[in-house]
Amino acid sequence: MLIINTGGTFNKRYDPIKGELFVPNDNQAVEQILESLVIPIPVQGVLYKDSLEMDNHDRSLLAQTIAQSSEKIIIVVHGTDTMDLSAEYVASLSLDKVVVFTGAMIPFSIDNVEATANFSMALGYAQNAECGVHIVIQGIMGSFERVKKNKSVGKFEYV
């Protein structure tokens, strides 16, 4: 199993000098969650971006990283706004892997409950899922084709 971190709200922290949230170039949030597990899972940082800043070049880099990994189970920590676009991009490769996207609506650094719950659900789901690309967030779990963010109400739903 491999965790790929791309940034997003999950990882954001507050910069008191600039007075704004930023995506740090580290895996601190994911690593803090992993400290409570009894099995070591490697983490690989890839982009460290807000998903609204991601483009197809970034998605290609993410997909290439997933394709080149020897791991058969991969969890991608990703921003929620374009998670479905990246999931679709990865799915287009038809890899013989389980790829589970997760993220958070509230930064781990502000309230660690949601990010930890989403990550934990993704971890359990990934170990029991069939090959393909999935989204697991806010208690909603399934194929990337069926799980979408409803931006008007700020939550994920089955479609």
N, C-alpha and C. Protein backbone atom coordinates (compact mmCIF):
# COMPACT_ATOMS: atom_id res chain seq x y z
N MET A 1 0.85 -1.18 0.00
CA MET A 1 0.00 0.00 0.00
C MET A 1 0.89 1.24 0.00
N LEU A 2 0.39 2.28 -0.68
CA LEU A 2 1.10 3.55 -0.75
C LEU A 2 0.10 4.68 -0.59
N ILE A 3 0.49 5.70 0.14
CA ILE A 3 -0.29 6.93 0.26
C ILE A 3 0.39 7.97 -0.62
N ILE A 4 -0.38 8.58 -1.53
CA ILE A 4 0.14 9.67 -2.35
C ILE A 4 -0.56 10.94 -1.90
N ASN A 5 0.23 11.92 -1.52
CA ASN A 5 -0.30 13.19 -1.01
C ASN A 5 -0.15 14.26 -2.09
N THR A 6 -1.27 14.91 -2.44
CA THR A 6 -1.22 15.97 -3.44
C THR A 6 -1.53 17.35 -2.86
N GLY A 7 -1.83 17.40 -1.57
CA GLY A 7 -2.13 18.70 -0.96
C GLY A 7 -3.60 18.83 -0.63
N GLY A 8 -4.23 19.89 -1.13
CA GLY A 8 -5.64 20.12 -0.87
C GLY A 8 -5.90 20.64 0.52
N THR A 9 -7.17 20.87 0.81
CA THR A 9 -7.59 21.39 2.11
C THR A 9 -7.16 20.48 3.25
N PHE A 10 -7.17 19.18 3.02
CA PHE A 10 -6.74 18.20 4.02
C PHE A 10 -5.44 18.65 4.70
N ASN A 11 -4.51 19.14 3.91
CA ASN A 11 -3.17 19.48 4.38
C ASN A 11 -2.95 20.94 4.75
N LYS A 12 -3.91 21.80 4.47
CA LYS A 12 -3.69 23.24 4.66
C LYS A 12 -3.39 23.60 6.12
N ARG A 13 -2.57 24.63 6.24
CA ARG A 13 -2.26 25.21 7.56
C ARG A 13 -2.38 26.73 7.46
N TYR A 14 -2.54 27.33 8.62
CA TYR A 14 -2.72 28.78 8.69
C TYR A 14 -1.37 29.48 8.82
N ASP A 15 -1.16 30.50 7.99
CA ASP A 15 0.04 31.33 8.06
C ASP A 15 -0.35 32.62 8.80
N PRO A 16 0.08 32.76 10.07
CA PRO A 16 -0.33 33.93 10.86
C PRO A 16 0.25 35.26 10.34
N ILE A 17 1.32 35.20 9.59
CA ILE A 17 1.90 36.43 9.05
C ILE A 17 1.09 36.93 7.86
N LYS A 18 0.75 36.03 6.95
CA LYS A 18 -0.04 36.41 5.78
C LYS A 18 -1.54 36.42 6.07
N GLY A 19 -1.94 35.75 7.16
CA GLY A 19 -3.35 35.68 7.53
C GLY A 19 -4.17 34.84 6.59
N GLU A 20 -3.56 33.76 6.08
CA GLU A 20 -4.28 32.91 5.14
C GLU A 20 -3.86 31.45 5.27
N LEU A 21 -4.70 30.58 4.73
CA LEU A 21 -4.37 29.16 4.69
C LEU A 21 -3.49 28.89 3.47
N PHE A 22 -2.58 27.94 3.61
CA PHE A 22 -1.70 27.57 2.50
C PHE A 22 -1.50 26.06 2.51
N VAL A 23 -1.13 25.53 1.36
CA VAL A 23 -0.81 24.10 1.25
C VAL A 23 0.70 23.98 1.43
N PRO A 24 1.15 23.35 2.52
CA PRO A 24 2.58 23.22 2.77
C PRO A 24 3.21 22.14 1.89
N ASN A 25 4.49 22.23 1.69
CA ASN A 25 5.24 21.24 0.92
C ASN A 25 5.72 20.11 1.82
N ASP A 26 4.80 19.50 2.53
CA ASP A 26 5.15 18.38 3.40
C ASP A 26 3.96 17.44 3.56
N ASN A 27 4.17 16.37 4.28
CA ASN A 27 3.14 15.34 4.50
C ASN A 27 2.71 15.29 5.96
N GLN A 28 2.88 16.37 6.68
CA GLN A 28 2.66 16.39 8.13
C GLN A 28 1.30 15.86 8.56
N ALA A 29 0.23 16.29 7.92
CA ALA A 29 -1.11 15.86 8.34
C ALA A 29 -1.27 14.35 8.18
N VAL A 30 -0.89 13.83 7.02
CA VAL A 30 -1.00 12.39 6.78
C VAL A 30 -0.10 11.62 7.74
N GLU A 31 1.11 12.09 7.94
CA GLU A 31 2.05 11.40 8.84
C GLU A 31 1.54 11.37 10.28
N GLN A 32 0.88 12.43 10.72
CA GLN A 32 0.32 12.44 12.07
C GLN A 32 -0.76 11.37 12.23
N ILE A 33 -1.59 11.21 11.22
CA ILE A 33 -2.62 10.17 11.28
C ILE A 33 -1.96 8.79 11.28
N LEU A 34 -0.97 8.61 10.42
CA LEU A 34 -0.31 7.31 10.31
C LEU A 34 0.42 6.89 11.58
N GLU A 35 0.80 7.86 12.42
CA GLU A 35 1.48 7.53 13.68
C GLU A 35 0.63 6.65 14.59
N SER A 36 -0.69 6.72 14.44
CA SER A 36 -1.57 5.93 15.31
C SER A 36 -1.82 4.52 14.78
N LEU A 37 -1.31 4.21 13.61
CA LEU A 37 -1.50 2.87 13.05
C LEU A 37 -0.39 1.93 13.48
N VAL A 38 -0.69 0.64 13.47
CA VAL A 38 0.32 -0.34 13.87
C VAL A 38 1.13 -0.85 12.69
N ILE A 39 0.70 -0.53 11.46
CA ILE A 39 1.45 -0.95 10.29
C ILE A 39 2.04 0.28 9.61
N PRO A 40 3.28 0.18 9.18
CA PRO A 40 3.87 1.33 8.48
C PRO A 40 3.37 1.38 7.03
N ILE A 41 2.97 2.56 6.59
CA ILE A 41 2.54 2.75 5.21
C ILE A 41 3.35 3.92 4.65
N PRO A 42 4.05 3.71 3.56
CA PRO A 42 4.84 4.81 3.00
C PRO A 42 3.97 5.92 2.42
N VAL A 43 4.48 7.15 2.53
CA VAL A 43 3.80 8.33 2.00
C VAL A 43 4.71 8.99 0.97
N GLN A 44 4.12 9.31 -0.17
CA GLN A 44 4.87 9.99 -1.21
C GLN A 44 4.14 11.28 -1.57
N GLY A 45 4.80 12.40 -1.37
CA GLY A 45 4.23 13.68 -1.77
C GLY A 45 4.48 13.92 -3.24
N VAL A 46 3.46 14.39 -3.95
CA VAL A 46 3.63 14.57 -5.39
C VAL A 46 3.48 16.04 -5.80
N LEU A 47 2.41 16.71 -5.41
CA LEU A 47 2.14 18.04 -5.95
C LEU A 47 2.10 19.16 -4.92
N TYR A 48 1.45 18.94 -3.81
CA TYR A 48 1.27 19.97 -2.78
C TYR A 48 0.58 21.21 -3.34
N LYS A 49 -0.65 21.02 -3.84
CA LYS A 49 -1.42 22.12 -4.41
C LYS A 49 -2.86 22.07 -3.93
N ASP A 50 -3.50 23.22 -3.96
CA ASP A 50 -4.95 23.27 -3.85
C ASP A 50 -5.47 22.67 -5.15
N SER A 51 -6.49 21.85 -5.08
CA SER A 51 -6.94 21.16 -6.29
C SER A 51 -7.48 22.12 -7.35
N LEU A 52 -7.91 23.30 -6.96
CA LEU A 52 -8.37 24.28 -7.95
C LEU A 52 -7.21 24.80 -8.80
N GLU A 53 -5.99 24.63 -8.32
CA GLU A 53 -4.81 25.05 -9.07
C GLU A 53 -4.24 23.94 -9.96
N MET A 54 -4.79 22.73 -9.83
CA MET A 54 -4.29 21.61 -10.61
C MET A 54 -4.76 21.69 -12.06
N ASP A 55 -3.89 21.25 -12.97
CA ASP A 55 -4.24 21.19 -14.38
C ASP A 55 -3.95 19.78 -14.90
N ASN A 56 -4.14 19.57 -16.19
CA ASN A 56 -3.93 18.23 -16.74
C ASN A 56 -2.48 17.77 -16.67
N HIS A 57 -1.55 18.69 -16.67
CA HIS A 57 -0.14 18.32 -16.49
C HIS A 57 0.05 17.71 -15.10
N ASP A 58 -0.57 18.33 -14.09
CA ASP A 58 -0.51 17.81 -12.72
C ASP A 58 -1.19 16.44 -12.63
N ARG A 59 -2.33 16.31 -13.28
CA ARG A 59 -3.05 15.03 -13.27
C ARG A 59 -2.23 13.94 -13.97
N SER A 60 -1.53 14.32 -15.02
CA SER A 60 -0.66 13.37 -15.72
C SER A 60 0.47 12.91 -14.82
N LEU A 61 1.06 13.83 -14.07
CA LEU A 61 2.12 13.48 -13.12
C LEU A 61 1.58 12.54 -12.05
N LEU A 62 0.40 12.83 -11.52
CA LEU A 62 -0.22 11.97 -10.52
C LEU A 62 -0.48 10.58 -11.10
N ALA A 63 -1.08 10.53 -12.27
CA ALA A 63 -1.40 9.24 -12.90
C ALA A 63 -0.14 8.45 -13.21
N GLN A 64 0.89 9.12 -13.65
CA GLN A 64 2.17 8.46 -13.94
C GLN A 64 2.78 7.90 -12.66
N THR A 65 2.70 8.64 -11.58
CA THR A 65 3.22 8.17 -10.30
C THR A 65 2.48 6.91 -9.85
N ILE A 66 1.17 6.91 -10.01
CA ILE A 66 0.36 5.74 -9.64
C ILE A 66 0.71 4.56 -10.54
N ALA A 67 0.79 4.79 -11.84
CA ALA A 67 1.08 3.71 -12.79
C ALA A 67 2.45 3.09 -12.55
N GLN A 68 3.43 3.90 -12.19
CA GLN A 68 4.80 3.42 -12.01
C GLN A 68 5.03 2.76 -10.65
N SER A 69 4.11 2.95 -9.72
CA SER A 69 4.26 2.34 -8.40
C SER A 69 4.08 0.83 -8.49
N SER A 70 4.86 0.12 -7.72
CA SER A 70 4.72 -1.34 -7.66
C SER A 70 3.56 -1.74 -6.74
N GLU A 71 3.05 -0.79 -5.98
CA GLU A 71 1.95 -1.08 -5.05
C GLU A 71 0.64 -1.29 -5.81
N LYS A 72 -0.17 -2.21 -5.32
CA LYS A 72 -1.46 -2.51 -5.94
C LYS A 72 -2.61 -1.75 -5.29
N ILE A 73 -2.35 -1.19 -4.10
CA ILE A 73 -3.36 -0.40 -3.39
C ILE A 73 -2.77 0.98 -3.11
N ILE A 74 -3.46 2.01 -3.59
CA ILE A 74 -2.97 3.37 -3.44
C ILE A 74 -4.10 4.27 -2.95
N ILE A 75 -3.80 5.03 -1.92
CA ILE A 75 -4.73 6.05 -1.43
C ILE A 75 -4.16 7.41 -1.83
N VAL A 76 -5.00 8.23 -2.45
CA VAL A 76 -4.59 9.56 -2.89
C VAL A 76 -5.29 10.59 -2.02
N VAL A 77 -4.52 11.38 -1.29
CA VAL A 77 -5.08 12.51 -0.53
C VAL A 77 -5.09 13.69 -1.50
N HIS A 78 -6.29 14.22 -1.75
CA HIS A 78 -6.48 15.18 -2.84
C HIS A 78 -7.48 16.24 -2.40
N GLY A 79 -7.39 17.41 -2.97
CA GLY A 79 -8.37 18.45 -2.73
C GLY A 79 -9.74 18.04 -3.26
N THR A 80 -10.78 18.51 -2.61
CA THR A 80 -12.13 18.03 -2.93
C THR A 80 -12.74 18.66 -4.19
N ASP A 81 -12.32 19.86 -4.56
CA ASP A 81 -12.98 20.56 -5.66
C ASP A 81 -12.78 19.90 -7.03
N THR A 82 -11.63 19.28 -7.25
CA THR A 82 -11.38 18.63 -8.55
C THR A 82 -10.99 17.17 -8.39
N MET A 83 -11.32 16.60 -7.26
CA MET A 83 -11.01 15.18 -7.00
C MET A 83 -11.58 14.30 -8.10
N ASP A 84 -12.81 14.58 -8.52
CA ASP A 84 -13.46 13.75 -9.54
C ASP A 84 -12.73 13.83 -10.88
N LEU A 85 -12.17 14.99 -11.22
CA LEU A 85 -11.43 15.13 -12.48
C LEU A 85 -10.14 14.31 -12.46
N SER A 86 -9.44 14.36 -11.34
CA SER A 86 -8.21 13.57 -11.21
C SER A 86 -8.52 12.07 -11.19
N ALA A 87 -9.60 11.70 -10.50
CA ALA A 87 -9.99 10.29 -10.45
C ALA A 87 -10.33 9.79 -11.85
N GLU A 88 -11.04 10.59 -12.62
CA GLU A 88 -11.39 10.20 -13.99
C GLU A 88 -10.13 10.06 -14.85
N TYR A 89 -9.19 10.96 -14.67
CA TYR A 89 -7.93 10.92 -15.41
C TYR A 89 -7.17 9.63 -15.11
N VAL A 90 -7.07 9.29 -13.83
CA VAL A 90 -6.39 8.05 -13.43
C VAL A 90 -7.15 6.83 -13.96
N ALA A 91 -8.46 6.86 -13.88
CA ALA A 91 -9.28 5.74 -14.35
C ALA A 91 -9.08 5.48 -15.84
N SER A 92 -8.81 6.52 -16.60
CA SER A 92 -8.63 6.35 -18.05
C SER A 92 -7.44 5.45 -18.39
N LEU A 93 -6.55 5.23 -17.43
CA LEU A 93 -5.39 4.35 -17.66
C LEU A 93 -5.74 2.87 -17.51
N SER A 94 -6.90 2.59 -16.93
CA SER A 94 -7.35 1.19 -16.72
C SER A 94 -6.27 0.34 -16.05
N LEU A 95 -5.76 0.83 -14.94
CA LEU A 95 -4.70 0.12 -14.21
C LEU A 95 -5.28 -1.04 -13.41
N ASP A 96 -4.48 -2.04 -13.20
CA ASP A 96 -4.87 -3.20 -12.39
C ASP A 96 -4.50 -2.91 -10.93
N LYS A 97 -5.13 -1.88 -10.38
CA LYS A 97 -4.84 -1.42 -9.03
C LYS A 97 -6.13 -0.93 -8.38
N VAL A 98 -6.10 -0.85 -7.07
CA VAL A 98 -7.14 -0.18 -6.31
C VAL A 98 -6.61 1.22 -6.01
N VAL A 99 -7.31 2.23 -6.48
CA VAL A 99 -6.92 3.62 -6.21
C VAL A 99 -8.11 4.29 -5.53
N VAL A 100 -7.88 4.79 -4.33
CA VAL A 100 -8.93 5.43 -3.55
C VAL A 100 -8.54 6.87 -3.28
N PHE A 101 -9.39 7.80 -3.74
CA PHE A 101 -9.19 9.22 -3.48
C PHE A 101 -9.96 9.60 -2.22
N THR A 102 -9.33 10.42 -1.39
CA THR A 102 -9.99 10.97 -0.21
C THR A 102 -9.45 12.37 0.03
N GLY A 103 -10.07 13.09 0.91
CA GLY A 103 -9.66 14.46 1.22
C GLY A 103 -10.43 14.95 2.42
N ALA A 104 -10.55 16.27 2.54
CA ALA A 104 -11.27 16.85 3.67
C ALA A 104 -11.79 18.22 3.28
N MET A 105 -12.91 18.58 3.88
CA MET A 105 -13.49 19.90 3.67
C MET A 105 -12.93 20.92 4.66
N ILE A 106 -12.40 20.41 5.76
CA ILE A 106 -11.80 21.24 6.81
C ILE A 106 -10.36 20.79 6.99
N PRO A 107 -9.39 21.70 7.02
CA PRO A 107 -8.00 21.28 7.18
C PRO A 107 -7.77 20.47 8.47
N PHE A 108 -6.93 19.46 8.38
CA PHE A 108 -6.54 18.66 9.53
C PHE A 108 -6.00 19.56 10.64
N SER A 109 -5.26 20.60 10.28
CA SER A 109 -4.65 21.49 11.26
C SER A 109 -5.68 22.31 12.05
N ILE A 110 -6.88 22.45 11.53
CA ILE A 110 -7.93 23.21 12.21
C ILE A 110 -8.82 22.28 13.03
N ASP A 111 -9.22 21.17 12.43
CA ASP A 111 -10.04 20.17 13.12
C ASP A 111 -9.69 18.82 12.52
N ASN A 112 -8.99 18.01 13.29
CA ASN A 112 -8.46 16.76 12.73
C ASN A 112 -9.49 15.64 12.60
N VAL A 113 -10.70 15.83 13.09
CA VAL A 113 -11.68 14.76 13.09
C VAL A 113 -12.09 14.35 11.67
N GLU A 114 -12.52 15.28 10.86
CA GLU A 114 -13.01 14.92 9.53
C GLU A 114 -11.91 14.30 8.68
N ALA A 115 -10.75 14.92 8.62
CA ALA A 115 -9.65 14.40 7.81
C ALA A 115 -9.26 13.00 8.27
N THR A 116 -9.18 12.80 9.58
CA THR A 116 -8.81 11.49 10.11
C THR A 116 -9.89 10.46 9.78
N ALA A 117 -11.15 10.82 9.93
CA ALA A 117 -12.24 9.90 9.62
C ALA A 117 -12.24 9.53 8.15
N ASN A 118 -12.09 10.52 7.28
CA ASN A 118 -12.07 10.25 5.85
C ASN A 118 -10.89 9.36 5.47
N PHE A 119 -9.73 9.67 6.00
CA PHE A 119 -8.54 8.88 5.71
C PHE A 119 -8.71 7.44 6.22
N SER A 120 -9.22 7.29 7.42
CA SER A 120 -9.41 5.96 8.00
C SER A 120 -10.41 5.14 7.20
N MET A 121 -11.51 5.77 6.77
CA MET A 121 -12.47 5.07 5.93
C MET A 121 -11.83 4.65 4.61
N ALA A 122 -11.04 5.52 4.02
CA ALA A 122 -10.37 5.20 2.76
C ALA A 122 -9.41 4.04 2.93
N LEU A 123 -8.71 4.02 4.04
CA LEU A 123 -7.76 2.94 4.33
C LEU A 123 -8.47 1.59 4.42
N GLY A 124 -9.55 1.53 5.15
CA GLY A 124 -10.31 0.28 5.28
C GLY A 124 -10.96 -0.12 3.97
N TYR A 125 -11.55 0.85 3.29
CA TYR A 125 -12.22 0.58 2.01
C TYR A 125 -11.22 0.04 0.99
N ALA A 126 -10.05 0.68 0.91
CA ALA A 126 -9.05 0.29 -0.09
C ALA A 126 -8.61 -1.16 0.07
N GLN A 127 -8.54 -1.63 1.28
CA GLN A 127 -8.07 -3.00 1.52
C GLN A 127 -9.11 -4.04 1.14
N ASN A 128 -10.33 -3.61 0.87
CA ASN A 128 -11.41 -4.54 0.54
C ASN A 128 -12.06 -4.26 -0.81
N ALA A 129 -11.58 -3.27 -1.52
CA ALA A 129 -12.20 -2.86 -2.79
C ALA A 129 -11.66 -3.67 -3.96
N GLU A 130 -12.45 -3.70 -5.01
CA GLU A 130 -12.01 -4.30 -6.26
C GLU A 130 -11.18 -3.28 -7.03
N CYS A 131 -10.39 -3.77 -7.97
CA CYS A 131 -9.57 -2.87 -8.79
C CYS A 131 -10.45 -1.81 -9.43
N GLY A 132 -9.90 -0.62 -9.50
CA GLY A 132 -10.62 0.50 -10.07
C GLY A 132 -10.32 1.76 -9.28
N VAL A 133 -10.99 2.83 -9.64
CA VAL A 133 -10.77 4.12 -9.00
C VAL A 133 -12.03 4.49 -8.21
N HIS A 134 -11.83 4.82 -6.95
CA HIS A 134 -12.92 5.05 -6.01
C HIS A 134 -12.72 6.38 -5.30
N ILE A 135 -13.83 6.90 -4.74
CA ILE A 135 -13.77 8.07 -3.87
C ILE A 135 -14.43 7.68 -2.55
N VAL A 136 -13.73 8.00 -1.45
CA VAL A 136 -14.24 7.73 -0.11
C VAL A 136 -14.09 9.01 0.70
N ILE A 137 -15.24 9.58 1.09
CA ILE A 137 -15.20 10.84 1.82
C ILE A 137 -16.57 11.09 2.46
N GLN A 138 -16.58 11.64 3.65
CA GLN A 138 -17.80 12.00 4.36
C GLN A 138 -18.79 10.83 4.50
N GLY A 139 -18.27 9.63 4.65
CA GLY A 139 -19.13 8.45 4.80
C GLY A 139 -19.70 7.93 3.49
N ILE A 140 -19.35 8.55 2.38
CA ILE A 140 -19.80 8.12 1.06
C ILE A 140 -18.64 7.36 0.42
N MET A 141 -18.93 6.16 -0.10
CA MET A 141 -17.87 5.32 -0.67
C MET A 141 -18.36 4.67 -1.94
N GLY A 142 -17.54 4.74 -2.98
CA GLY A 142 -17.91 4.07 -4.21
C GLY A 142 -17.05 4.48 -5.38
N SER A 143 -17.45 4.00 -6.55
CA SER A 143 -16.75 4.32 -7.79
C SER A 143 -16.71 5.84 -8.00
N PHE A 144 -15.61 6.31 -8.57
CA PHE A 144 -15.49 7.75 -8.84
C PHE A 144 -16.62 8.25 -9.74
N GLU A 145 -17.22 7.35 -10.51
CA GLU A 145 -18.30 7.74 -11.40
C GLU A 145 -19.59 8.05 -10.64
N ARG A 146 -19.71 7.50 -9.44
CA ARG A 146 -20.95 7.67 -8.67
C ARG A 146 -20.84 8.64 -7.49
N VAL A 147 -19.63 8.95 -7.05
CA VAL A 147 -19.44 9.82 -5.89
C VAL A 147 -18.95 11.18 -6.39
N LYS A 148 -19.75 12.20 -6.17
CA LYS A 148 -19.43 13.55 -6.66
C LYS A 148 -19.66 14.58 -5.56
N LYS A 149 -18.93 15.67 -5.64
CA LYS A 149 -19.12 16.77 -4.70
C LYS A 149 -20.26 17.66 -5.19
N ASN A 150 -21.24 17.87 -4.34
CA ASN A 150 -22.31 18.81 -4.62
C ASN A 150 -21.85 20.14 -4.03
N LYS A 151 -21.31 20.99 -4.87
CA LYS A 151 -20.72 22.25 -4.41
C LYS A 151 -21.75 23.22 -3.85
N SER A 152 -23.00 23.07 -4.26
CA SER A 152 -24.03 24.00 -3.77
C SER A 152 -24.40 23.74 -2.31
N VAL A 153 -24.18 22.50 -1.83
CA VAL A 153 -24.46 22.20 -0.44
C VAL A 153 -23.21 21.82 0.35
N GLY A 154 -22.07 21.74 -0.33
CA GLY A 154 -20.80 21.48 0.34
C GLY A 154 -20.64 20.08 0.91
N LYS A 155 -21.15 19.09 0.16
CA LYS A 155 -20.96 17.72 0.62
C LYS A 155 -20.93 16.77 -0.57
N PHE A 156 -20.42 15.58 -0.32
CA PHE A 156 -20.35 14.55 -1.36
C PHE A 156 -21.63 13.73 -1.34
N GLU A 157 -22.00 13.26 -2.53
CA GLU A 157 -23.24 12.49 -2.68
C GLU A 157 -23.04 11.42 -3.74
N TYR A 158 -23.94 10.42 -3.72
CA TYR A 158 -24.02 9.47 -4.82
C TYR A 158 -24.83 10.12 -5.93
N VAL A 159 -24.41 9.93 -7.16
CA VAL A 159 -25.19 10.44 -8.30
C VAL A 159 -25.60 9.30 -9.20
